[in-house]
Every structure is written in C-alpha cells, then in structure tokens.
Amino acid sequence: MHKRAERRWTVVVVPHGSGQSRALGVSHTLLKSLLGLASAVTLVFAGLAAAALIRGVGITRNRMLAHENRVLLDEVQRMRNSETALRDSLVTMARRDQGLRLLAGLSVLDSAVQQGGIGGPRGEWPERDSLIAVGDHGAQALAARVDLDVLERRAGILLTSVGQAYESLSSHWARFAVTPSIMPLHGRVSSVFSALRFDPVVRVVRPHEGIDVAAPLGSAIAATAAGVVTDVKWENGYGNLLTIDHGSGIVTRYAHCSKILVARGQHVKRGEKVALVGSTGESTGPHVHYEVWVNGKPVDPKTFVMPEDAIAD
C-alpha cells in the first residue's frame, strides 16, 4: 500500500525591482510547526507584557498607598498638635471656670467631672474595627480619635459650667443693681440710726429712722441703687422728701432737700443725681436725712453701704 503523499506548499518570493524570483517549498508539517511556534512565541510575549503591566500597576498602586500613608500620618500629627493646644486652652478655661463659679456662689466642679470621663468615643462607631484592621497607622488614628472625643466632652462640660456661672452672676448683678450699697453723698455723719434719740428740734426722745449726713447747701444727692421714683412731696418734719422703690421690698428716702431733680415714675440708676442738699422741714442746718426701709420697716443704712464707701461718724 502506498503512503499518501504529503501536501506541500510553495512560497514564491518576488523581489521589488530587478532580480530573480525564488520558489520555496514548504511541507504541510513544517508549516504547522512554524505556525505553532509563532503562536507560542506570541503567547509568551503576551504573558510577559501582561505581567509587566500588572507589575507596573502594582508599583503605581504601592506608591499611591505610600503617599496616602504619608499624608495620613502628617494629618494625624497635625491633629496631635491641635490636640495639645486645645488641651492647654481647656486647662486655662477650667481654672477660670473655678473662679467664676466661686464668684457666682456655686460649688467648684469635681476634677473628675472636669476631665470629662475616660473611655472611647460615645455612641456607635462602626469604623473602629476598620481602623484597627489597618495596622499601625489605623491605631494612631484611633488613638487620636479617642483623645479628641475626650477633649470634646471636657469642652462641653466646661461650656455648661460657664453658662451656669454666667446665669448666677447675672442674677446676682441684677439684685446688686437694685440693692442700696453707697452713701447718698460724701459728708460728715452728724446723727446715726437709733431706736431712741433726743431730737434737738422738737426736744423730745424719739426714734431716728435713718442717718443725717451734713454737707454744703446745694451739694448733689445720689440714688444709692437703681429703682423707680414713687414719691416726690413735702412732708411735715421731712420737708422736701424723695422716695425711690428698688424692688424686693427695699425703699430709700431722702429728706430736707432744697430741690428734687427727678419726677414720680422716673427710673434712676445707682449714683445718678436725684436731689440737692437743703435744710427744709425740721432741720438745724443743711444736710440729707437718708433712710432705708425693708418690707415696711426702717433698718440701719450702714448695713447697706459697701466697705469702700464706709460711713465715717
């Protein structure tokens, strides 16, 4: 039996220009081998190109991650620097808060309360596990987050405390503004508050429900606290009499005035000039008779004078 003849291929090479054409005979087997080799070489080069591309992408990604890590670490460091400044500010605020609370008559906050407690951030924090999984950089970010949360709580506590002190001080100031605390004028106290004293005008023993402050005729008389003028009149014994209601049951009266400078219903402030010294009514010389009444009863005006404006008998 004869073997089947192998197919052959003839490749004719025709040169450009002059020259003879050449015919090359190629067997079917050799052609398949060449095509297989070419395919293998192509696949090898394709694989090498893909590996090079993947390696390049990996290098680029690693460089990007390294850059991002540097940026993250720089940001964490900036947060730490800000933390230090914020902590110093809170320490200063805490000291001032203690002083404000003392001035306001409030108890000082316990140091543990001022610190804002310990522990991690409040409430749900789903990114915590993600940060822990990152490694060292995540741990640093986690620590910064925890510290900032504590500082935030401290700031909130101090803000509330300062608000309480402010409200208390405002209340105290409002009361102080309407509480007599100064002398109506500077001068010599010629007669003090007394349950019984000899009256030199009518020459009998009777209560002296205020103090007498001698001063030159026409000297200015000041309101001893903020209030509303409730009476401007002539009264036997007192002469020209001015009455100011300061609220909370406190009333002041200024007698023997030569002239009253305010009108009924007028609001006045502490230190405002309201009258002039005179000698009207039962008087032996120019002076102001000054009274303080609390809930309808006369009290010694000396108890309503600040130390820096103390009475000199």
Protein backbone atom coordinates (compact mmCIF):
# COMPACT_ATOMS: atom_id res chain seq x y z
CA MET A 1 0.00 0.00 0.00
CA HIS A 2 1.37 3.35 -0.94
CA LYS A 3 1.51 6.15 1.61
CA ARG A 4 -0.49 9.16 0.78
CA ALA A 5 1.79 11.91 -0.47
CA GLU A 6 2.25 14.77 1.99
CA ARG A 7 0.90 18.05 0.82
CA ARG A 8 3.43 20.71 0.17
CA TRP A 9 3.21 24.46 -0.15
CA THR A 10 5.23 26.60 -2.47
CA VAL A 11 6.06 30.12 -1.48
CA VAL A 12 7.20 32.39 -4.33
CA VAL A 13 9.37 35.30 -3.25
CA VAL A 14 9.24 38.11 -5.84
CA PRO A 15 11.78 40.88 -5.20
CA HIS A 16 10.95 44.51 -5.91
CA GLY A 17 12.89 45.83 -8.87
CA SER A 18 15.32 43.63 -10.70
CA GLY A 19 16.24 40.17 -9.56
CA GLN A 20 15.04 36.65 -9.96
CA SER A 21 12.04 35.26 -8.16
CA ARG A 22 12.61 32.32 -5.85
CA ALA A 23 10.32 29.46 -5.05
CA LEU A 24 10.50 27.84 -1.64
CA GLY A 25 8.84 24.51 -0.97
CA VAL A 26 7.36 24.06 2.49
CA SER A 27 5.81 20.87 3.73
CA HIS A 28 2.47 20.90 5.48
CA THR A 29 4.08 19.57 8.67
CA LEU A 30 6.75 22.24 8.71
CA LEU A 31 4.16 24.95 8.13
CA LYS A 32 2.08 23.73 11.04
CA SER A 33 5.18 23.62 13.22
CA LEU A 34 6.10 27.18 12.27
CA LEU A 35 2.57 28.42 12.95
CA GLY A 36 2.56 26.64 16.32
CA LEU A 37 5.92 28.13 17.24
CA ALA A 38 4.70 31.59 16.23
CA SER A 39 1.59 31.15 18.37
CA ALA A 40 3.66 30.01 21.33
CA VAL A 41 6.03 32.94 20.97
CA THR A 42 3.06 35.30 20.71
CA LEU A 43 1.52 33.86 23.86
CA VAL A 44 4.83 34.12 25.71
CA PHE A 45 5.22 37.76 24.76
CA ALA A 46 1.59 38.46 25.61
CA GLY A 47 2.12 36.86 29.03
CA LEU A 48 5.28 38.86 29.61
CA ALA A 49 3.51 42.06 28.60
CA ALA A 50 0.59 41.31 30.93
CA ALA A 51 2.96 40.54 33.82
CA ALA A 52 4.87 43.75 33.16
CA LEU A 53 1.60 45.68 33.09
CA ILE A 54 0.38 44.11 36.33
CA ARG A 55 3.74 44.77 37.96
CA GLY A 56 3.62 48.40 36.81
CA VAL A 57 0.10 48.80 38.16
CA GLY A 58 1.19 47.22 41.46
CA ILE A 59 4.20 49.56 41.73
CA THR A 60 2.00 52.56 40.96
CA ARG A 61 -0.59 51.44 43.50
CA ASN A 62 2.08 50.88 46.16
CA ARG A 63 3.48 54.33 45.51
CA MET A 64 -0.01 55.80 45.82
CA LEU A 65 -0.59 53.91 49.07
CA ALA A 66 2.76 55.07 50.43
CA HIS A 67 1.85 58.66 49.54
CA GLU A 68 -1.58 58.29 51.14
CA ASN A 69 0.02 56.86 54.28
CA ARG A 70 2.42 59.79 54.49
CA VAL A 71 -0.48 62.21 54.06
CA LEU A 72 -2.46 60.31 56.72
CA LEU A 73 0.46 60.35 59.17
CA ASP A 74 1.02 64.07 58.55
CA GLU A 75 -2.67 64.72 59.21
CA VAL A 76 -2.60 62.64 62.42
CA GLN A 77 0.43 64.65 63.56
CA ARG A 78 -1.38 67.92 62.85
CA MET A 79 -4.33 66.61 64.84
CA ARG A 80 -1.99 65.80 67.72
CA ASN A 81 -0.52 69.31 67.62
CA SER A 82 -4.02 70.81 67.63
CA GLU A 83 -4.89 68.47 70.48
CA THR A 84 -2.04 69.84 72.58
CA ALA A 85 -3.13 73.44 72.00
CA LEU A 86 -6.77 72.57 72.73
CA ARG A 87 -5.81 70.73 75.93
CA ASP A 88 -3.82 73.75 77.16
CA SER A 89 -6.77 76.04 76.39
CA LEU A 90 -9.14 73.76 78.29
CA VAL A 91 -6.82 73.77 81.31
CA THR A 92 -6.90 77.59 81.31
CA MET A 93 -10.69 77.57 80.87
CA ALA A 94 -11.05 75.12 83.76
CA ARG A 95 -9.13 77.43 86.10
CA ARG A 96 -11.21 80.44 85.07
CA ASP A 97 -14.39 78.40 85.39
CA GLN A 98 -13.47 77.62 89.01
CA GLY A 99 -13.05 81.34 89.73
CA LEU A 100 -16.34 82.21 88.04
CA ARG A 101 -18.21 79.55 89.99
CA LEU A 102 -16.76 80.82 93.26
CA LEU A 103 -17.78 84.40 92.39
CA ALA A 104 -21.23 83.15 91.47
CA GLY A 105 -21.61 81.32 94.77
CA LEU A 106 -21.58 77.88 93.11
CA SER A 107 -19.60 74.84 94.17
CA VAL A 108 -16.47 74.09 92.15
CA LEU A 109 -16.74 71.16 89.74
CA ASP A 110 -15.04 67.95 90.84
CA SER A 111 -11.78 67.38 88.93
CA ALA A 112 -13.03 64.02 87.62
CA VAL A 113 -16.12 65.71 86.20
CA GLN A 114 -13.98 68.47 84.64
CA GLN A 115 -11.84 65.84 82.89
CA GLY A 116 -14.91 64.65 81.02
CA GLY A 117 -14.57 61.00 81.98
CA ILE A 118 -12.48 58.30 80.33
CA GLY A 119 -13.00 55.76 77.58
CA GLY A 120 -13.55 55.81 73.86
CA PRO A 121 -15.94 57.76 71.68
CA ARG A 122 -19.58 57.80 72.61
CA GLY A 123 -22.31 56.01 70.71
CA GLU A 124 -21.93 53.71 67.70
CA TRP A 125 -18.60 53.82 65.91
CA PRO A 126 -18.57 51.30 63.05
CA GLU A 127 -15.22 52.49 61.62
CA ARG A 128 -13.38 51.45 64.82
CA ASP A 129 -12.80 47.88 63.63
CA SER A 130 -11.76 49.14 60.20
CA LEU A 131 -9.09 51.37 61.74
CA ILE A 132 -7.79 48.57 63.94
CA ALA A 133 -7.52 46.31 60.88
CA VAL A 134 -5.34 48.84 59.03
CA GLY A 135 -2.42 48.38 61.38
CA ASP A 136 -0.12 50.94 62.98
CA HIS A 137 -1.49 53.89 61.03
CA GLY A 138 -5.03 52.93 61.91
CA ALA A 139 -4.07 52.53 65.56
CA GLN A 140 -2.63 56.04 65.60
CA ALA A 141 -5.76 57.45 64.01
CA LEU A 142 -7.86 55.53 66.54
CA ALA A 143 -5.87 56.93 69.47
CA ALA A 144 -6.24 60.48 68.11
CA ARG A 145 -9.98 59.96 67.70
CA VAL A 146 -10.35 58.73 71.28
CA ASP A 147 -8.37 61.67 72.70
CA LEU A 148 -10.30 64.22 70.67
CA ASP A 149 -13.58 62.73 71.86
CA VAL A 150 -12.48 63.15 75.49
CA LEU A 151 -11.49 66.77 74.84
CA GLU A 152 -14.85 67.37 73.20
CA ARG A 153 -16.63 66.07 76.30
CA ARG A 154 -14.47 68.28 78.54
CA ALA A 155 -15.27 71.33 76.41
CA GLY A 156 -18.99 70.56 76.62
CA ILE A 157 -18.85 70.21 80.41
CA LEU A 158 -16.93 73.50 80.78
CA LEU A 159 -19.37 75.26 78.46
CA THR A 160 -22.30 74.12 80.60
CA SER A 161 -20.47 75.11 83.80
CA VAL A 162 -19.60 78.58 82.49
CA GLY A 163 -23.23 79.02 81.44
CA GLN A 164 -24.40 78.19 84.95
CA ALA A 165 -21.90 80.66 86.44
CA TYR A 166 -22.97 83.35 83.99
CA GLU A 167 -26.65 82.90 84.84
CA SER A 168 -25.90 83.01 88.56
CA LEU A 169 -23.67 86.09 88.22
CA SER A 170 -26.31 87.80 86.08
CA SER A 171 -28.88 87.12 88.78
CA HIS A 172 -26.51 88.43 91.46
CA TRP A 173 -25.74 91.51 89.38
CA ALA A 174 -29.43 92.21 88.81
CA ARG A 175 -30.01 92.05 92.58
CA PHE A 176 -26.91 94.13 93.28
CA ALA A 177 -28.01 96.84 90.84
CA VAL A 178 -31.21 97.42 92.84
CA THR A 179 -29.69 96.99 96.31
CA PRO A 180 -28.54 100.19 98.08
CA SER A 181 -24.78 99.99 98.50
CA ILE A 182 -23.36 103.53 98.55
CA MET A 183 -23.78 106.72 100.55
CA PRO A 184 -26.12 109.32 99.02
CA LEU A 185 -23.24 111.85 99.23
CA HIS A 186 -19.87 112.34 100.89
CA GLY A 187 -20.03 114.27 104.12
CA ARG A 188 -19.93 114.09 107.91
CA VAL A 189 -22.49 111.81 109.57
CA SER A 190 -23.97 114.11 112.19
CA SER A 191 -26.57 111.67 113.50
CA VAL A 192 -26.75 107.87 113.32
CA PHE A 193 -29.63 105.39 113.14
CA SER A 194 -31.14 104.86 116.58
CA ALA A 195 -34.20 103.31 118.14
CA LEU A 196 -34.38 106.29 120.51
CA ARG A 197 -32.55 109.62 120.46
CA PHE A 198 -33.07 113.20 121.68
CA ASP A 199 -34.46 115.30 118.82
CA PRO A 200 -32.78 118.75 119.01
CA VAL A 201 -35.58 120.46 117.08
CA VAL A 202 -38.69 119.29 118.94
CA ARG A 203 -36.62 118.48 122.07
CA VAL A 204 -38.16 115.06 122.72
CA VAL A 205 -36.76 111.50 122.70
CA ARG A 206 -37.98 109.53 119.70
CA PRO A 207 -36.66 107.04 117.10
CA HIS A 208 -34.22 108.27 114.46
CA GLU A 209 -35.04 106.05 111.48
CA GLY A 210 -32.09 106.99 109.28
CA ILE A 211 -28.77 108.83 109.27
CA ASP A 212 -28.02 112.53 108.81
CA VAL A 213 -25.14 113.48 106.51
CA ALA A 214 -24.07 117.12 106.74
CA ALA A 215 -22.89 118.80 103.53
CA PRO A 216 -22.82 122.28 101.97
CA LEU A 217 -26.14 123.65 100.72
CA GLY A 218 -26.79 122.58 97.12
CA SER A 219 -24.50 119.52 97.20
CA ALA A 220 -25.63 116.71 94.91
CA ILE A 221 -27.56 113.78 96.41
CA ALA A 222 -27.23 110.47 94.52
CA ALA A 223 -29.58 107.50 94.32
CA THR A 224 -27.97 104.66 96.26
CA ALA A 225 -29.30 101.98 93.87
CA ALA A 226 -31.34 101.60 90.71
CA GLY A 227 -35.08 101.99 91.16
CA VAL A 228 -38.25 103.89 90.36
CA VAL A 229 -39.22 107.22 91.91
CA THR A 230 -42.51 106.59 93.70
CA ASP A 231 -43.00 109.86 95.62
CA VAL A 232 -41.91 113.49 95.40
CA LYS A 233 -43.63 115.61 98.04
CA TRP A 234 -43.46 117.94 101.01
CA GLU A 235 -43.91 116.18 104.32
CA ASN A 236 -44.05 117.76 107.78
CA GLY A 237 -40.76 117.30 109.57
CA TYR A 238 -39.02 115.94 106.44
CA GLY A 239 -39.51 118.98 104.17
CA ASN A 240 -38.90 118.09 100.51
CA LEU A 241 -38.95 114.28 100.52
CA LEU A 242 -37.92 111.91 97.71
CA THR A 243 -38.85 108.20 97.80
CA ILE A 244 -37.34 105.52 95.50
CA ASP A 245 -38.60 101.93 95.28
CA HIS A 246 -35.84 99.43 94.46
CA GLY A 247 -37.98 96.30 94.38
CA SER A 248 -37.78 93.21 96.62
CA GLY A 249 -39.35 95.27 99.42
CA ILE A 250 -36.47 97.81 99.60
CA VAL A 251 -37.24 101.56 99.63
CA THR A 252 -34.93 104.55 100.21
CA ARG A 253 -35.96 108.07 101.30
CA TYR A 254 -34.05 111.37 101.04
CA ALA A 255 -35.33 114.26 103.20
CA HIS A 256 -34.70 118.02 103.77
CA CYS A 257 -33.79 118.51 100.07
CA SER A 258 -33.55 122.06 98.72
CA LYS A 259 -34.57 120.76 95.28
CA ILE A 260 -35.65 117.38 93.85
CA LEU A 261 -34.37 116.76 90.30
CA VAL A 262 -36.47 113.73 89.31
CA ALA A 263 -40.19 113.11 88.81
CA ARG A 264 -42.60 110.41 90.01
CA GLY A 265 -42.40 107.28 87.81
CA GLN A 266 -38.87 108.02 86.60
CA HIS A 267 -36.30 105.20 86.51
CA VAL A 268 -32.95 106.08 88.09
CA LYS A 269 -29.56 104.35 88.32
CA ARG A 270 -27.15 103.95 91.20
CA GLY A 271 -25.08 107.13 91.53
CA GLU A 272 -27.48 109.26 89.48
CA LYS A 273 -28.01 112.79 90.83
CA VAL A 274 -31.60 112.98 92.11
CA ALA A 275 -31.72 115.96 94.52
CA LEU A 276 -29.76 118.78 96.17
CA VAL A 277 -28.87 119.17 99.85
CA GLY A 278 -31.13 121.61 101.73
CA SER A 279 -32.49 122.41 105.18
CA THR A 280 -36.24 122.17 104.61
CA GLY A 281 -38.64 120.86 107.26
CA GLU A 282 -37.43 120.32 110.82
CA SER A 283 -33.70 120.93 110.32
CA THR A 284 -30.94 122.75 112.16
CA GLY A 285 -28.68 123.09 109.09
CA PRO A 286 -28.03 121.80 105.55
CA HIS A 287 -27.91 118.01 105.45
CA VAL A 288 -29.69 114.98 103.95
CA HIS A 289 -31.68 112.64 106.15
CA TYR A 290 -31.29 109.21 104.49
CA GLU A 291 -33.49 106.20 105.30
CA VAL A 292 -33.62 102.56 104.11
CA TRP A 293 -36.83 100.59 104.59
CA VAL A 294 -37.10 96.80 104.10
CA ASN A 295 -40.56 95.24 103.95
CA GLY A 296 -42.11 98.25 105.59
CA LYS A 297 -39.60 98.56 108.47
CA PRO A 298 -36.67 101.02 108.83
CA VAL A 299 -33.17 99.48 109.03
CA ASP A 300 -29.76 100.97 109.70
CA PRO A 301 -28.46 102.33 106.35
CA LYS A 302 -24.92 101.39 107.39
CA THR A 303 -25.80 97.75 106.66
CA PHE A 304 -26.34 98.75 103.02
CA VAL A 305 -23.02 100.51 102.43
CA MET A 306 -20.08 98.78 100.71
CA PRO A 307 -16.77 98.82 102.69
CA GLU A 308 -15.06 101.17 100.23
CA ASP A 309 -17.80 103.71 100.86
CA ALA A 310 -17.94 103.11 104.61
CA ILE A 311 -19.55 105.68 106.87
CA ALA A 312 -17.31 107.89 108.96
CA ASP A 313 -19.11 109.08 112.06
